[in-house]
């Protein structure tokens, strides 16, 4: 099945009460990216862990958190990106895997990507 290209953006206030909603939406979106079930579950869990940690450290009133799920026209690589206020221990640049935070204007952007292969 070949999936359509899309970009889904979710913006929400930094509020731990919204975690169940984010978990539900994220679970659907990572599957829609075209990831196999086990990778989709790992992606959702990774996003959940990072978001939970950031909300705990930032506390309520820390502004807006944005999560972007993207499947480009090439559909070879899909991405999930989280942008939120920076934490004191965020590095200035991501690690070699590209999975760490990158600081920009008081915000940190964390991006994960996966290669996908559509089945026809």
C-alpha atoms as a PDB file:
ATOM      1  CA  UNK A   1       0.000   0.000   0.000  1.00  0.00           C
ATOM      2  CA  UNK A   2       1.374   3.424  -0.929  1.00  0.00           C
ATOM      3  CA  UNK A   3       0.491   6.147   1.547  1.00  0.00           C
ATOM      4  CA  UNK A   4      -0.034   9.807   0.675  1.00  0.00           C
ATOM      5  CA  UNK A   5       2.450  12.503   1.572  1.00  0.00           C
ATOM      6  CA  UNK A   6       1.341  14.637   4.519  1.00  0.00           C
ATOM      7  CA  UNK A   7       2.465  16.918   7.320  1.00  0.00           C
ATOM      8  CA  UNK A   8       0.443  16.820  10.538  1.00  0.00           C
ATOM      9  CA  UNK A   9       1.233  19.436  13.195  1.00  0.00           C
ATOM     10  CA  UNK A  10      -0.074  19.341  16.737  1.00  0.00           C
ATOM     11  CA  UNK A  11       0.479  22.388  18.979  1.00  0.00           C
ATOM     12  CA  UNK A  12      -0.520  22.299  22.627  1.00  0.00           C
ATOM     13  CA  UNK A  13       0.142  24.078  25.887  1.00  0.00           C
ATOM     14  CA  UNK A  14       2.811  22.526  28.092  1.00  0.00           C
ATOM     15  CA  UNK A  15       0.370  20.724  30.375  1.00  0.00           C
ATOM     16  CA  UNK A  16       0.771  17.184  31.709  1.00  0.00           C
ATOM     17  CA  UNK A  17      -3.024  16.762  31.648  1.00  0.00           C
ATOM     18  CA  UNK A  18      -2.793  16.642  27.844  1.00  0.00           C
ATOM     19  CA  UNK A  19      -0.460  13.608  27.779  1.00  0.00           C
ATOM     20  CA  UNK A  20      -3.266  11.049  27.231  1.00  0.00           C
ATOM     21  CA  UNK A  21      -4.475  13.002  24.188  1.00  0.00           C
ATOM     22  CA  UNK A  22      -0.942  13.252  22.777  1.00  0.00           C
ATOM     23  CA  UNK A  23      -0.376   9.516  23.313  1.00  0.00           C
ATOM     24  CA  UNK A  24      -3.588   8.664  21.476  1.00  0.00           C
ATOM     25  CA  UNK A  25      -2.976  10.979  18.517  1.00  0.00           C
ATOM     26  CA  UNK A  26       0.713  10.034  18.306  1.00  0.00           C
ATOM     27  CA  UNK A  27      -0.147   6.344  18.240  1.00  0.00           C
ATOM     28  CA  UNK A  28      -2.338   6.860  15.192  1.00  0.00           C
ATOM     29  CA  UNK A  29       0.074   9.212  13.444  1.00  0.00           C
ATOM     30  CA  UNK A  30       3.185   7.015  13.685  1.00  0.00           C
ATOM     31  CA  UNK A  31       1.237   4.148  12.115  1.00  0.00           C
ATOM     32  CA  UNK A  32      -0.025   6.477   9.402  1.00  0.00           C
ATOM     33  CA  UNK A  33       3.587   7.409   8.637  1.00  0.00           C
ATOM     34  CA  UNK A  34       3.900   3.895   7.249  1.00  0.00           C
ATOM     35  CA  UNK A  35       6.117   2.389   9.931  1.00  0.00           C
ATOM     36  CA  UNK A  36       5.780  -1.315  10.705  1.00  0.00           C
ATOM     37  CA  UNK A  37       3.828  -1.950  13.907  1.00  0.00           C
ATOM     38  CA  UNK A  38       6.897  -2.578  16.105  1.00  0.00           C
ATOM     39  CA  UNK A  39       8.691   0.567  14.872  1.00  0.00           C
ATOM     40  CA  UNK A  40       5.479   2.589  15.227  1.00  0.00           C
ATOM     41  CA  UNK A  41       5.194   1.463  18.850  1.00  0.00           C
ATOM     42  CA  UNK A  42       8.863   2.332  19.497  1.00  0.00           C
ATOM     43  CA  UNK A  43       8.397   5.770  17.896  1.00  0.00           C
ATOM     44  CA  UNK A  44       5.298   6.464  19.983  1.00  0.00           C
ATOM     45  CA  UNK A  45       7.047   5.320  23.169  1.00  0.00           C
ATOM     46  CA  UNK A  46      10.142   7.424  22.436  1.00  0.00           C
ATOM     47  CA  UNK A  47       8.026  10.511  21.794  1.00  0.00           C
ATOM     48  CA  UNK A  48       5.995   9.825  24.939  1.00  0.00           C
ATOM     49  CA  UNK A  49       9.151   9.443  27.084  1.00  0.00           C
ATOM     50  CA  UNK A  50      10.733  12.647  25.793  1.00  0.00           C
ATOM     51  CA  UNK A  51       7.514  14.635  26.068  1.00  0.00           C
ATOM     52  CA  UNK A  52       6.807  13.355  29.594  1.00  0.00           C
ATOM     53  CA  UNK A  53      10.332  14.277  30.716  1.00  0.00           C
ATOM     54  CA  UNK A  54      10.144  17.739  29.151  1.00  0.00           C
ATOM     55  CA  UNK A  55       6.747  18.470  30.708  1.00  0.00           C
ATOM     56  CA  UNK A  56       8.042  17.358  34.120  1.00  0.00           C
ATOM     57  CA  UNK A  57      11.136  19.561  33.833  1.00  0.00           C
ATOM     58  CA  UNK A  58       9.423  22.580  32.251  1.00  0.00           C
ATOM     59  CA  UNK A  59       6.309  22.598  34.389  1.00  0.00           C
ATOM     60  CA  UNK A  60       2.986  24.204  33.554  1.00  0.00           C
ATOM     61  CA  UNK A  61       3.049  27.517  31.795  1.00  0.00           C
ATOM     62  CA  UNK A  62       6.186  26.748  29.786  1.00  0.00           C
ATOM     63  CA  UNK A  63       4.571  27.834  26.550  1.00  0.00           C
ATOM     64  CA  UNK A  64       3.608  25.735  23.585  1.00  0.00           C
ATOM     65  CA  UNK A  65       4.897  22.328  22.557  1.00  0.00           C
ATOM     66  CA  UNK A  66       4.679  21.389  18.906  1.00  0.00           C
ATOM     67  CA  UNK A  67       4.857  17.891  17.448  1.00  0.00           C
ATOM     68  CA  UNK A  68       5.126  17.409  13.680  1.00  0.00           C
ATOM     69  CA  UNK A  69       4.647  14.117  11.835  1.00  0.00           C
ATOM     70  CA  UNK A  70       5.812  14.256   8.228  1.00  0.00           C
ATOM     71  CA  UNK A  71       5.792  11.901   5.285  1.00  0.00           C
ATOM     72  CA  UNK A  72       7.278  13.677   2.238  1.00  0.00           C
ATOM     73  CA  UNK A  73       6.484  12.939  -1.397  1.00  0.00           C
ATOM     74  CA  UNK A  74       9.583  10.754  -1.694  1.00  0.00           C
ATOM     75  CA  UNK A  75       8.270   8.657   1.227  1.00  0.00           C
ATOM     76  CA  UNK A  76      11.741   7.189   1.756  1.00  0.00           C
ATOM     77  CA  UNK A  77      12.220   8.887   5.118  1.00  0.00           C
ATOM     78  CA  UNK A  78       9.522   9.911   7.566  1.00  0.00           C
ATOM     79  CA  UNK A  79      10.078  12.202  10.535  1.00  0.00           C
ATOM     80  CA  UNK A  80       8.671  13.119  13.916  1.00  0.00           C
ATOM     81  CA  UNK A  81       9.820  16.420  15.387  1.00  0.00           C
ATOM     82  CA  UNK A  82       9.149  17.894  18.820  1.00  0.00           C
ATOM     83  CA  UNK A  83       9.770  21.591  19.554  1.00  0.00           C
ATOM     84  CA  UNK A  84       9.522  22.985  23.088  1.00  0.00           C
ATOM     85  CA  UNK A  85      11.220  25.417  25.437  1.00  0.00           C
ATOM     86  CA  UNK A  86      14.848  24.465  26.012  1.00  0.00           C
ATOM     87  CA  UNK A  87      15.952  22.699  29.159  1.00  0.00           C
ATOM     88  CA  UNK A  88      19.098  23.837  30.968  1.00  0.00           C
ATOM     89  CA  UNK A  89      20.940  20.619  30.073  1.00  0.00           C
ATOM     90  CA  UNK A  90      20.021  20.550  26.357  1.00  0.00           C
ATOM     91  CA  UNK A  91      23.146  20.465  24.206  1.00  0.00           C
ATOM     92  CA  UNK A  92      23.652  23.159  21.571  1.00  0.00           C
ATOM     93  CA  UNK A  93      23.502  20.580  18.761  1.00  0.00           C
ATOM     94  CA  UNK A  94      22.173  17.049  18.215  1.00  0.00           C
ATOM     95  CA  UNK A  95      24.428  14.026  18.636  1.00  0.00           C
ATOM     96  CA  UNK A  96      25.758  12.036  15.690  1.00  0.00           C
ATOM     97  CA  UNK A  97      22.446  10.198  15.289  1.00  0.00           C
ATOM     98  CA  UNK A  98      20.586  13.505  14.946  1.00  0.00           C
ATOM     99  CA  UNK A  99      18.234  12.487  17.745  1.00  0.00           C
ATOM    100  CA  UNK A 100      19.314  14.989  20.372  1.00  0.00           C
ATOM    101  CA  UNK A 101      17.942  18.478  20.877  1.00  0.00           C
ATOM    102  CA  UNK A 102      19.107  21.373  18.737  1.00  0.00           C
ATOM    103  CA  UNK A 103      18.689  24.754  20.421  1.00  0.00           C
ATOM    104  CA  UNK A 104      17.258  27.709  18.565  1.00  0.00           C
ATOM    105  CA  UNK A 105      15.939  30.951  20.090  1.00  0.00           C
ATOM    106  CA  UNK A 106      15.244  29.475  23.519  1.00  0.00           C
ATOM    107  CA  UNK A 107      13.593  26.378  22.079  1.00  0.00           C
ATOM    108  CA  UNK A 108      14.877  22.881  21.517  1.00  0.00           C
ATOM    109  CA  UNK A 109      13.973  20.846  18.488  1.00  0.00           C
ATOM    110  CA  UNK A 110      14.264  17.061  18.682  1.00  0.00           C
ATOM    111  CA  UNK A 111      13.890  15.178  15.425  1.00  0.00           C
ATOM    112  CA  UNK A 112      13.723  11.463  14.701  1.00  0.00           C
ATOM    113  CA  UNK A 113      13.603   9.891  11.270  1.00  0.00           C
ATOM    114  CA  UNK A 114      13.001   6.430   9.863  1.00  0.00           C
ATOM    115  CA  UNK A 115      13.444   4.954   6.418  1.00  0.00           C
ATOM    116  CA  UNK A 116      10.308   3.318   5.119  1.00  0.00           C
ATOM    117  CA  UNK A 117       9.639   1.012   2.203  1.00  0.00           C
ATOM    118  CA  UNK A 118       6.138   1.011   0.811  1.00  0.00           C
ATOM    119  CA  UNK A 119       4.711  -2.317  -0.132  1.00  0.00           C
ATOM    120  CA  UNK A 120       2.792  -2.432  -3.366  1.00  0.00           C
END
